[in-house]
Amino acid sequence: MFSGNFIPFAVLYSVGNILTLLSTGFLIGPVTQMKQMVDPNRLVATIVFVVSLALTLVAAIWWKKAFLCILFVVIQSLAFIWYSISYIPFARDFIKSFVGDICF
């Protein structure tokens, strides 16, 4: 990554996130995993995460655009954090309130 070649990093980062999803699916079962991912509380985060994951791979493998790789990795990370926070009761409400207080 420090050599300026972000494409291998983006691919490996995305593969790592795919393995993370597969590992939680292994632990709780794939059907339960899918049900939880499409729960209305997590649906937007899931869609943004999966789309950004796919776009990261497309930008790295086919388009070979480092800037897009970095952009989609950042979006992927934020979506995964938002998805993970949805499992903590009231965490999303707290973060929305906290960010709202800081920004507005």
PDB file of N, CA and C in Angstrom:
ATOM      1  N   MET A   1       0.820  -1.183   0.000  1.00  0.00           N
ATOM      2  CA  MET A   1       0.000   0.000   0.000  1.00  0.00           C
ATOM      3  C   MET A   1       0.867   1.251   0.000  1.00  0.00           C
ATOM      4  N   PHE A   2       1.996   1.237   0.729  1.00  0.00           N
ATOM      5  CA  PHE A   2       2.843   2.411   0.810  1.00  0.00           C
ATOM      6  C   PHE A   2       3.591   2.680  -0.482  1.00  0.00           C
ATOM      7  N   SER A   3       3.639   1.689  -1.358  1.00  0.00           N
ATOM      8  CA  SER A   3       4.310   1.894  -2.636  1.00  0.00           C
ATOM      9  C   SER A   3       3.415   2.616  -3.636  1.00  0.00           C
ATOM     10  N   GLY A   4       2.176   2.886  -3.254  1.00  0.00           N
ATOM     11  CA  GLY A   4       1.265   3.592  -4.137  1.00  0.00           C
ATOM     12  C   GLY A   4       0.348   2.679  -4.914  1.00  0.00           C
ATOM     13  N   ASN A   5       0.496   1.382  -4.753  1.00  0.00           N
ATOM     14  CA  ASN A   5      -0.358   0.439  -5.457  1.00  0.00           C
ATOM     15  C   ASN A   5      -1.486  -0.003  -4.522  1.00  0.00           C
ATOM     16  N   PHE A   6      -2.605   0.686  -4.602  1.00  0.00           N
ATOM     17  CA  PHE A   6      -3.723   0.436  -3.708  1.00  0.00           C
ATOM     18  C   PHE A   6      -4.607  -0.711  -4.175  1.00  0.00           C
ATOM     19  N   ILE A   7      -4.435  -1.142  -5.390  1.00  0.00           N
ATOM     20  CA  ILE A   7      -5.324  -2.159  -5.953  1.00  0.00           C
ATOM     21  C   ILE A   7      -5.228  -3.489  -5.205  1.00  0.00           C
ATOM     22  N   PRO A   8      -4.029  -4.029  -4.939  1.00  0.00           N
ATOM     23  CA  PRO A   8      -3.972  -5.278  -4.160  1.00  0.00           C
ATOM     24  C   PRO A   8      -4.557  -5.110  -2.756  1.00  0.00           C
ATOM     25  N   PHE A   9      -4.317  -3.954  -2.146  1.00  0.00           N
ATOM     26  CA  PHE A   9      -4.893  -3.690  -0.829  1.00  0.00           C
ATOM     27  C   PHE A   9      -6.413  -3.733  -0.889  1.00  0.00           C
ATOM     28  N   ALA A  10      -7.005  -3.068  -1.887  1.00  0.00           N
ATOM     29  CA  ALA A  10      -8.462  -3.020  -2.000  1.00  0.00           C
ATOM     30  C   ALA A  10      -9.043  -4.418  -2.199  1.00  0.00           C
ATOM     31  N   VAL A  11      -8.372  -5.220  -3.027  1.00  0.00           N
ATOM     32  CA  VAL A  11      -8.853  -6.586  -3.268  1.00  0.00           C
ATOM     33  C   VAL A  11      -8.767  -7.406  -1.984  1.00  0.00           C
ATOM     34  N   LEU A  12      -7.619  -7.355  -1.308  1.00  0.00           N
ATOM     35  CA  LEU A  12      -7.454  -8.132  -0.079  1.00  0.00           C
ATOM     36  C   LEU A  12      -8.384  -7.645   1.029  1.00  0.00           C
ATOM     37  N   TYR A  13      -8.597  -6.359   1.120  1.00  0.00           N
ATOM     38  CA  TYR A  13      -9.523  -5.810   2.112  1.00  0.00           C
ATOM     39  C   TYR A  13     -10.937  -6.317   1.856  1.00  0.00           C
ATOM     40  N   SER A  14     -11.356  -6.311   0.605  1.00  0.00           N
ATOM     41  CA  SER A  14     -12.694  -6.792   0.254  1.00  0.00           C
ATOM     42  C   SER A  14     -12.838  -8.290   0.503  1.00  0.00           C
ATOM     43  N   VAL A  15     -11.812  -9.040   0.159  1.00  0.00           N
ATOM     44  CA  VAL A  15     -11.845 -10.484   0.421  1.00  0.00           C
ATOM     45  C   VAL A  15     -11.918 -10.738   1.920  1.00  0.00           C
ATOM     46  N   GLY A  16     -11.205  -9.947   2.710  1.00  0.00           N
ATOM     47  CA  GLY A  16     -11.279 -10.065   4.164  1.00  0.00           C
ATOM     48  C   GLY A  16     -12.677  -9.805   4.690  1.00  0.00           C
ATOM     49  N   ASN A  17     -13.356  -8.800   4.142  1.00  0.00           N
ATOM     50  CA  ASN A  17     -14.738  -8.527   4.563  1.00  0.00           C
ATOM     51  C   ASN A  17     -15.686  -9.644   4.143  1.00  0.00           C
ATOM     52  N   ILE A  18     -15.460 -10.213   2.970  1.00  0.00           N
ATOM     53  CA  ILE A  18     -16.278 -11.351   2.538  1.00  0.00           C
ATOM     54  C   ILE A  18     -16.067 -12.524   3.491  1.00  0.00           C
ATOM     55  N   LEU A  19     -14.820 -12.782   3.868  1.00  0.00           N
ATOM     56  CA  LEU A  19     -14.539 -13.863   4.812  1.00  0.00           C
ATOM     57  C   LEU A  19     -15.154 -13.591   6.183  1.00  0.00           C
ATOM     58  N   THR A  20     -15.188 -12.338   6.582  1.00  0.00           N
ATOM     59  CA  THR A  20     -15.838 -11.979   7.843  1.00  0.00           C
ATOM     60  C   THR A  20     -17.320 -12.321   7.806  1.00  0.00           C
ATOM     61  N   LEU A  21     -17.980 -11.969   6.715  1.00  0.00           N
ATOM     62  CA  LEU A  21     -19.403 -12.311   6.585  1.00  0.00           C
ATOM     63  C   LEU A  21     -19.614 -13.820   6.555  1.00  0.00           C
ATOM     64  N   LEU A  22     -18.748 -14.526   5.841  1.00  0.00           N
ATOM     65  CA  LEU A  22     -18.870 -15.983   5.773  1.00  0.00           C
ATOM     66  C   LEU A  22     -18.629 -16.619   7.141  1.00  0.00           C
ATOM     67  N   SER A  23     -17.703 -16.061   7.914  1.00  0.00           N
ATOM     68  CA  SER A  23     -17.418 -16.644   9.220  1.00  0.00           C
ATOM     69  C   SER A  23     -18.568 -16.432  10.190  1.00  0.00           C
ATOM     70  N   THR A  24     -19.197 -15.264  10.169  1.00  0.00           N
ATOM     71  CA  THR A  24     -20.359 -15.080  11.041  1.00  0.00           C
ATOM     72  C   THR A  24     -21.522 -15.931  10.549  1.00  0.00           C
ATOM     73  N   GLY A  25     -21.626 -16.104   9.246  1.00  0.00           N
ATOM     74  CA  GLY A  25     -22.649 -17.003   8.708  1.00  0.00           C
ATOM     75  C   GLY A  25     -22.415 -18.441   9.137  1.00  0.00           C
ATOM     76  N   PHE A  26     -21.162 -18.824   9.239  1.00  0.00           N
ATOM     77  CA  PHE A  26     -20.830 -20.163   9.718  1.00  0.00           C
ATOM     78  C   PHE A  26     -21.206 -20.319  11.185  1.00  0.00           C
ATOM     79  N   LEU A  27     -20.970 -19.287  11.980  1.00  0.00           N
ATOM     80  CA  LEU A  27     -21.239 -19.368  13.416  1.00  0.00           C
ATOM     81  C   LEU A  27     -22.736 -19.389  13.742  1.00  0.00           C
ATOM     82  N   ILE A  28     -23.505 -18.547  13.070  1.00  0.00           N
ATOM     83  CA  ILE A  28     -24.930 -18.464  13.407  1.00  0.00           C
ATOM     84  C   ILE A  28     -25.817 -19.144  12.371  1.00  0.00           C
ATOM     85  N   GLY A  29     -25.244 -19.575  11.285  1.00  0.00           N
ATOM     86  CA  GLY A  29     -26.002 -20.225  10.220  1.00  0.00           C
ATOM     87  C   GLY A  29     -26.283 -19.247   9.096  1.00  0.00           C
ATOM     88  N   PRO A  30     -26.190 -19.708   7.858  1.00  0.00           N
ATOM     89  CA  PRO A  30     -26.366 -18.808   6.721  1.00  0.00           C
ATOM     90  C   PRO A  30     -27.771 -18.221   6.606  1.00  0.00           C
ATOM     91  N   VAL A  31     -28.783 -18.998   6.976  1.00  0.00           N
ATOM     92  CA  VAL A  31     -30.158 -18.486   6.873  1.00  0.00           C
ATOM     93  C   VAL A  31     -30.375 -17.371   7.894  1.00  0.00           C
ATOM     94  N   THR A  32     -29.917 -17.595   9.120  1.00  0.00           N
ATOM     95  CA  THR A  32     -30.044 -16.573  10.155  1.00  0.00           C
ATOM     96  C   THR A  32     -29.256 -15.326   9.773  1.00  0.00           C
ATOM     97  N   GLN A  33     -28.079 -15.522   9.214  1.00  0.00           N
ATOM     98  CA  GLN A  33     -27.250 -14.396   8.777  1.00  0.00           C
ATOM     99  C   GLN A  33     -27.989 -13.566   7.738  1.00  0.00           C
ATOM    100  N   MET A  34     -28.557 -14.225   6.746  1.00  0.00           N
ATOM    101  CA  MET A  34     -29.268 -13.499   5.695  1.00  0.00           C
ATOM    102  C   MET A  34     -30.507 -12.786   6.253  1.00  0.00           C
ATOM    103  N   LYS A  35     -31.229 -13.443   7.162  1.00  0.00           N
ATOM    104  CA  LYS A  35     -32.400 -12.804   7.770  1.00  0.00           C
ATOM    105  C   LYS A  35     -31.991 -11.552   8.533  1.00  0.00           C
ATOM    106  N   GLN A  36     -30.877 -11.632   9.261  1.00  0.00           N
ATOM    107  CA  GLN A  36     -30.427 -10.474  10.022  1.00  0.00           C
ATOM    108  C   GLN A  36     -29.917  -9.365   9.104  1.00  0.00           C
ATOM    109  N   MET A  37     -29.320  -9.738   7.991  1.00  0.00           N
ATOM    110  CA  MET A  37     -28.799  -8.726   7.072  1.00  0.00           C
ATOM    111  C   MET A  37     -29.915  -7.947   6.379  1.00  0.00           C
ATOM    112  N   VAL A  38     -31.050  -8.583   6.135  1.00  0.00           N
ATOM    113  CA  VAL A  38     -32.150  -7.890   5.452  1.00  0.00           C
ATOM    114  C   VAL A  38     -33.197  -7.377   6.430  1.00  0.00           C
ATOM    115  N   ASP A  39     -32.895  -7.447   7.709  1.00  0.00           N
ATOM    116  CA  ASP A  39     -33.763  -6.849   8.724  1.00  0.00           C
ATOM    117  C   ASP A  39     -33.883  -5.349   8.411  1.00  0.00           C
ATOM    118  N   PRO A  40     -35.079  -4.779   8.550  1.00  0.00           N
ATOM    119  CA  PRO A  40     -35.251  -3.357   8.208  1.00  0.00           C
ATOM    120  C   PRO A  40     -34.266  -2.426   8.924  1.00  0.00           C
ATOM    121  N   ASN A  41     -33.824  -2.820  10.100  1.00  0.00           N
ATOM    122  CA  ASN A  41     -32.857  -2.016  10.854  1.00  0.00           C
ATOM    123  C   ASN A  41     -31.492  -1.974  10.175  1.00  0.00           C
ATOM    124  N   ARG A  42     -31.156  -3.012   9.427  1.00  0.00           N
ATOM    125  CA  ARG A  42     -29.822  -3.152   8.835  1.00  0.00           C
ATOM    126  C   ARG A  42     -29.826  -3.121   7.306  1.00  0.00           C
ATOM    127  N   LEU A  43     -30.978  -3.033   6.701  1.00  0.00           N
ATOM    128  CA  LEU A  43     -31.079  -3.195   5.254  1.00  0.00           C
ATOM    129  C   LEU A  43     -30.263  -2.158   4.485  1.00  0.00           C
ATOM    130  N   VAL A  44     -30.376  -0.897   4.855  1.00  0.00           N
ATOM    131  CA  VAL A  44     -29.643   0.140   4.129  1.00  0.00           C
ATOM    132  C   VAL A  44     -28.138  -0.071   4.272  1.00  0.00           C
ATOM    133  N   ALA A  45     -27.686  -0.349   5.488  1.00  0.00           N
ATOM    134  CA  ALA A  45     -26.254  -0.588   5.709  1.00  0.00           C
ATOM    135  C   ALA A  45     -25.787  -1.808   4.923  1.00  0.00           C
ATOM    136  N   THR A  46     -26.615  -2.843   4.867  1.00  0.00           N
ATOM    137  CA  THR A  46     -26.260  -4.049   4.126  1.00  0.00           C
ATOM    138  C   THR A  46     -26.133  -3.753   2.635  1.00  0.00           C
ATOM    139  N   ILE A  47     -27.086  -3.025   2.094  1.00  0.00           N
ATOM    140  CA  ILE A  47     -27.059  -2.698   0.666  1.00  0.00           C
ATOM    141  C   ILE A  47     -25.845  -1.847   0.335  1.00  0.00           C
ATOM    142  N   VAL A  48     -25.593  -0.820   1.129  1.00  0.00           N
ATOM    143  CA  VAL A  48     -24.439   0.043   0.881  1.00  0.00           C
ATOM    144  C   VAL A  48     -23.147  -0.767   0.999  1.00  0.00           C
ATOM    145  N   PHE A  49     -23.069  -1.646   1.999  1.00  0.00           N
ATOM    146  CA  PHE A  49     -21.874  -2.455   2.187  1.00  0.00           C
ATOM    147  C   PHE A  49     -21.633  -3.385   1.011  1.00  0.00           C
ATOM    148  N   VAL A  50     -22.658  -4.116   0.598  1.00  0.00           N
ATOM    149  CA  VAL A  50     -22.498  -5.087  -0.490  1.00  0.00           C
ATOM    150  C   VAL A  50     -22.196  -4.385  -1.810  1.00  0.00           C
ATOM    151  N   VAL A  51     -22.877  -3.282  -2.085  1.00  0.00           N
ATOM    152  CA  VAL A  51     -22.630  -2.540  -3.327  1.00  0.00           C
ATOM    153  C   VAL A  51     -21.218  -1.957  -3.331  1.00  0.00           C
ATOM    154  N   SER A  52     -20.797  -1.369  -2.204  1.00  0.00           N
ATOM    155  CA  SER A  52     -19.449  -0.800  -2.164  1.00  0.00           C
ATOM    156  C   SER A  52     -18.380  -1.893  -2.227  1.00  0.00           C
ATOM    157  N   LEU A  53     -18.672  -3.050  -1.659  1.00  0.00           N
ATOM    158  CA  LEU A  53     -17.744  -4.183  -1.751  1.00  0.00           C
ATOM    159  C   LEU A  53     -17.586  -4.607  -3.212  1.00  0.00           C
ATOM    160  N   ALA A  54     -18.697  -4.734  -3.907  1.00  0.00           N
ATOM    161  CA  ALA A  54     -18.646  -5.110  -5.323  1.00  0.00           C
ATOM    162  C   ALA A  54     -17.947  -4.034  -6.152  1.00  0.00           C
ATOM    163  N   LEU A  55     -18.254  -2.772  -5.890  1.00  0.00           N
ATOM    164  CA  LEU A  55     -17.628  -1.690  -6.653  1.00  0.00           C
ATOM    165  C   LEU A  55     -16.131  -1.576  -6.358  1.00  0.00           C
ATOM    166  N   THR A  56     -15.722  -1.915  -5.140  1.00  0.00           N
ATOM    167  CA  THR A  56     -14.301  -1.933  -4.819  1.00  0.00           C
ATOM    168  C   THR A  56     -13.582  -2.954  -5.686  1.00  0.00           C
ATOM    169  N   LEU A  57     -14.165  -4.137  -5.780  1.00  0.00           N
ATOM    170  CA  LEU A  57     -13.550  -5.179  -6.602  1.00  0.00           C
ATOM    171  C   LEU A  57     -13.555  -4.815  -8.080  1.00  0.00           C
ATOM    172  N   VAL A  58     -14.650  -4.228  -8.549  1.00  0.00           N
ATOM    173  CA  VAL A  58     -14.722  -3.806  -9.950  1.00  0.00           C
ATOM    174  C   VAL A  58     -13.691  -2.717 -10.236  1.00  0.00           C
ATOM    175  N   ALA A  59     -13.598  -1.729  -9.326  1.00  0.00           N
ATOM    176  CA  ALA A  59     -12.632  -0.637  -9.525  1.00  0.00           C
ATOM    177  C   ALA A  59     -11.201  -1.152  -9.492  1.00  0.00           C
ATOM    178  N   ALA A  60     -10.947  -2.174  -8.699  1.00  0.00           N
ATOM    179  CA  ALA A  60      -9.585  -2.705  -8.590  1.00  0.00           C
ATOM    180  C   ALA A  60      -9.240  -3.633  -9.743  1.00  0.00           C
ATOM    181  N   ILE A  61     -10.142  -4.543 -10.068  1.00  0.00           N
ATOM    182  CA  ILE A  61      -9.822  -5.597 -11.036  1.00  0.00           C
ATOM    183  C   ILE A  61     -10.027  -5.143 -12.485  1.00  0.00           C
ATOM    184  N   TRP A  62     -11.152  -4.501 -12.766  1.00  0.00           N
ATOM    185  CA  TRP A  62     -11.448  -4.151 -14.162  1.00  0.00           C
ATOM    186  C   TRP A  62     -11.057  -2.721 -14.516  1.00  0.00           C
ATOM    187  N   TRP A  63     -11.444  -1.764 -13.664  1.00  0.00           N
ATOM    188  CA  TRP A  63     -11.156  -0.370 -13.992  1.00  0.00           C
ATOM    189  C   TRP A  63      -9.731   0.027 -13.663  1.00  0.00           C
ATOM    190  N   LYS A  64      -9.131  -0.629 -12.656  1.00  0.00           N
ATOM    191  CA  LYS A  64      -7.757  -0.342 -12.206  1.00  0.00           C
ATOM    192  C   LYS A  64      -7.571   1.138 -11.850  1.00  0.00           C
ATOM    193  N   LYS A  65      -8.510   1.664 -11.080  1.00  0.00           N
ATOM    194  CA  LYS A  65      -8.488   3.061 -10.649  1.00  0.00           C
ATOM    195  C   LYS A  65      -8.251   3.115  -9.141  1.00  0.00           C
ATOM    196  N   ALA A  66      -7.079   3.581  -8.747  1.00  0.00           N
ATOM    197  CA  ALA A  66      -6.711   3.607  -7.332  1.00  0.00           C
ATOM    198  C   ALA A  66      -7.619   4.532  -6.524  1.00  0.00           C
ATOM    199  N   PHE A  67      -7.953   5.703  -7.078  1.00  0.00           N
ATOM    200  CA  PHE A  67      -8.805   6.639  -6.338  1.00  0.00           C
ATOM    201  C   PHE A  67     -10.163   6.031  -6.031  1.00  0.00           C
ATOM    202  N   LEU A  68     -10.753   5.365  -7.014  1.00  0.00           N
ATOM    203  CA  LEU A  68     -12.049   4.721  -6.787  1.00  0.00           C
ATOM    204  C   LEU A  68     -11.931   3.585  -5.778  1.00  0.00           C
ATOM    205  N   CYS A  69     -10.825   2.851  -5.827  1.00  0.00           N
ATOM    206  CA  CYS A  69     -10.593   1.786  -4.841  1.00  0.00           C
ATOM    207  C   CYS A  69     -10.605   2.354  -3.431  1.00  0.00           C
ATOM    208  N   ILE A  70      -9.875   3.448  -3.246  1.00  0.00           N
ATOM    209  CA  ILE A  70      -9.807   4.064  -1.923  1.00  0.00           C
ATOM    210  C   ILE A  70     -11.181   4.573  -1.497  1.00  0.00           C
ATOM    211  N   LEU A  71     -11.878   5.234  -2.400  1.00  0.00           N
ATOM    212  CA  LEU A  71     -13.208   5.753  -2.092  1.00  0.00           C
ATOM    213  C   LEU A  71     -14.159   4.636  -1.680  1.00  0.00           C
ATOM    214  N   PHE A  72     -14.194   3.556  -2.448  1.00  0.00           N
ATOM    215  CA  PHE A  72     -15.105   2.453  -2.140  1.00  0.00           C
ATOM    216  C   PHE A  72     -14.685   1.694  -0.884  1.00  0.00           C
ATOM    217  N   VAL A  73     -13.391   1.633  -0.591  1.00  0.00           N
ATOM    218  CA  VAL A  73     -12.941   1.005   0.658  1.00  0.00           C
ATOM    219  C   VAL A  73     -13.415   1.834   1.855  1.00  0.00           C
ATOM    220  N   VAL A  74     -13.340   3.150   1.743  1.00  0.00           N
ATOM    221  CA  VAL A  74     -13.818   4.015   2.826  1.00  0.00           C
ATOM    222  C   VAL A  74     -15.320   3.842   3.019  1.00  0.00           C
ATOM    223  N   ILE A  75     -16.071   3.843   1.935  1.00  0.00           N
ATOM    224  CA  ILE A  75     -17.525   3.646   2.025  1.00  0.00           C
ATOM    225  C   ILE A  75     -17.827   2.269   2.597  1.00  0.00           C
ATOM    226  N   GLN A  76     -17.097   1.275   2.148  1.00  0.00           N
ATOM    227  CA  GLN A  76     -17.259  -0.095   2.636  1.00  0.00           C
ATOM    228  C   GLN A  76     -17.017  -0.161   4.150  1.00  0.00           C
ATOM    229  N   SER A  77     -15.974   0.507   4.610  1.00  0.00           N
ATOM    230  CA  SER A  77     -15.642   0.510   6.033  1.00  0.00           C
ATOM    231  C   SER A  77     -16.730   1.189   6.850  1.00  0.00           C
ATOM    232  N   LEU A  78     -17.176   2.343   6.393  1.00  0.00           N
ATOM    233  CA  LEU A  78     -18.221   3.063   7.121  1.00  0.00           C
ATOM    234  C   LEU A  78     -19.527   2.269   7.159  1.00  0.00           C
ATOM    235  N   ALA A  79     -19.875   1.638   6.049  1.00  0.00           N
ATOM    236  CA  ALA A  79     -21.095   0.828   6.018  1.00  0.00           C
ATOM    237  C   ALA A  79     -20.980  -0.378   6.936  1.00  0.00           C
ATOM    238  N   PHE A  80     -19.805  -0.996   6.988  1.00  0.00           N
ATOM    239  CA  PHE A  80     -19.614  -2.153   7.864  1.00  0.00           C
ATOM    240  C   PHE A  80     -19.661  -1.742   9.331  1.00  0.00           C
ATOM    241  N   ILE A  81     -19.086  -0.588   9.647  1.00  0.00           N
ATOM    242  CA  ILE A  81     -19.174  -0.080  11.020  1.00  0.00           C
ATOM    243  C   ILE A  81     -20.620   0.196  11.386  1.00  0.00           C
ATOM    244  N   TRP A  82     -21.360   0.841  10.485  1.00  0.00           N
ATOM    245  CA  TRP A  82     -22.769   1.152  10.745  1.00  0.00           C
ATOM    246  C   TRP A  82     -23.585  -0.137  10.900  1.00  0.00           C
ATOM    247  N   TYR A  83     -23.283  -1.116  10.083  1.00  0.00           N
ATOM    248  CA  TYR A  83     -23.945  -2.420  10.174  1.00  0.00           C
ATOM    249  C   TYR A  83     -23.631  -3.076  11.518  1.00  0.00           C
ATOM    250  N   SER A  84     -22.384  -3.044  11.932  1.00  0.00           N
ATOM    251  CA  SER A  84     -21.977  -3.672  13.193  1.00  0.00           C
ATOM    252  C   SER A  84     -22.596  -2.971  14.393  1.00  0.00           C
ATOM    253  N   ILE A  85     -22.678  -1.655  14.320  1.00  0.00           N
ATOM    254  CA  ILE A  85     -23.256  -0.885  15.421  1.00  0.00           C
ATOM    255  C   ILE A  85     -24.736  -1.209  15.596  1.00  0.00           C
ATOM    256  N   SER A  86     -25.384  -1.649  14.535  1.00  0.00           N
ATOM    257  CA  SER A  86     -26.819  -1.942  14.627  1.00  0.00           C
ATOM    258  C   SER A  86     -27.109  -3.102  15.582  1.00  0.00           C
ATOM    259  N   TYR A  87     -26.103  -3.871  15.936  1.00  0.00           N
ATOM    260  CA  TYR A  87     -26.294  -4.972  16.873  1.00  0.00           C
ATOM    261  C   TYR A  87     -26.226  -4.509  18.331  1.00  0.00           C
ATOM    262  N   ILE A  88     -25.779  -3.300  18.581  1.00  0.00           N
ATOM    263  CA  ILE A  88     -25.692  -2.760  19.940  1.00  0.00           C
ATOM    264  C   ILE A  88     -26.939  -1.912  20.178  1.00  0.00           C
ATOM    265  N   PRO A  89     -27.725  -2.255  21.201  1.00  0.00           N
ATOM    266  CA  PRO A  89     -28.961  -1.500  21.450  1.00  0.00           C
ATOM    267  C   PRO A  89     -28.693  -0.007  21.672  1.00  0.00           C
ATOM    268  N   PHE A  90     -29.432   0.809  20.987  1.00  0.00           N
ATOM    269  CA  PHE A  90     -29.417   2.269  21.081  1.00  0.00           C
ATOM    270  C   PHE A  90     -28.098   2.911  20.622  1.00  0.00           C
ATOM    271  N   ALA A  91     -27.167   2.145  20.092  1.00  0.00           N
ATOM    272  CA  ALA A  91     -25.883   2.711  19.668  1.00  0.00           C
ATOM    273  C   ALA A  91     -26.055   3.639  18.464  1.00  0.00           C
ATOM    274  N   ARG A  92     -26.889   3.247  17.538  1.00  0.00           N
ATOM    275  CA  ARG A  92     -27.087   4.085  16.348  1.00  0.00           C
ATOM    276  C   ARG A  92     -27.751   5.405  16.721  1.00  0.00           C
ATOM    277  N   ASP A  93     -28.726   5.347  17.621  1.00  0.00           N
ATOM    278  CA  ASP A  93     -29.379   6.579  18.072  1.00  0.00           C
ATOM    279  C   ASP A  93     -28.380   7.498  18.769  1.00  0.00           C
ATOM    280  N   PHE A  94     -27.500   6.914  19.582  1.00  0.00           N
ATOM    281  CA  PHE A  94     -26.493   7.700  20.278  1.00  0.00           C
ATOM    282  C   PHE A  94     -25.543   8.364  19.286  1.00  0.00           C
ATOM    283  N   ILE A  95     -25.091   7.621  18.311  1.00  0.00           N
ATOM    284  CA  ILE A  95     -24.142   8.169  17.334  1.00  0.00           C
ATOM    285  C   ILE A  95     -24.813   9.248  16.485  1.00  0.00           C
ATOM    286  N   LYS A  96     -26.057   9.023  16.080  1.00  0.00           N
ATOM    287  CA  LYS A  96     -26.779  10.057  15.330  1.00  0.00           C
ATOM    288  C   LYS A  96     -26.908  11.330  16.150  1.00  0.00           C
ATOM    289  N   SER A  97     -27.240  11.191  17.420  1.00  0.00           N
ATOM    290  CA  SER A  97     -27.378  12.343  18.304  1.00  0.00           C
ATOM    291  C   SER A  97     -26.036  13.036  18.502  1.00  0.00           C
ATOM    292  N   PHE A  98     -24.995  12.249  18.716  1.00  0.00           N
ATOM    293  CA  PHE A  98     -23.657  12.789  18.936  1.00  0.00           C
ATOM    294  C   PHE A  98     -23.161  13.550  17.710  1.00  0.00           C
ATOM    295  N   VAL A  99     -23.288  12.964  16.547  1.00  0.00           N
ATOM    296  CA  VAL A  99     -22.853  13.610  15.307  1.00  0.00           C
ATOM    297  C   VAL A  99     -23.711  14.843  15.023  1.00  0.00           C
ATOM    298  N   GLY A 100     -25.005  14.714  15.296  1.00  0.00           N
ATOM    299  CA  GLY A 100     -25.891  15.872  15.101  1.00  0.00           C
ATOM    300  C   GLY A 100     -25.520  17.033  15.991  1.00  0.00           C
ATOM    301  N   ASP A 101     -25.125  16.736  17.235  1.00  0.00           N
ATOM    302  CA  ASP A 101     -24.718  17.803  18.153  1.00  0.00           C
ATOM    303  C   ASP A 101     -23.418  18.462  17.711  1.00  0.00           C
ATOM    304  N   ILE A 102     -22.524  17.686  17.160  1.00  0.00           N
ATOM    305  CA  ILE A 102     -21.229  18.229  16.728  1.00  0.00           C
ATOM    306  C   ILE A 102     -21.381  19.040  15.444  1.00  0.00           C
ATOM    307  N   CYS A 103     -22.161  18.521  14.514  1.00  0.00           N
ATOM    308  CA  CYS A 103     -22.250  19.147  13.188  1.00  0.00           C
ATOM    309  C   CYS A 103     -23.231  20.298  13.120  1.00  0.00           C
ATOM    310  N   PHE A 104     -24.245  20.290  13.968  1.00  0.00           N
ATOM    311  CA  PHE A 104     -25.296  21.306  13.816  1.00  0.00           C
ATOM    312  C   PHE A 104     -25.467  22.125  15.044  1.00  0.00           C
TER     313      PHE A 104
END
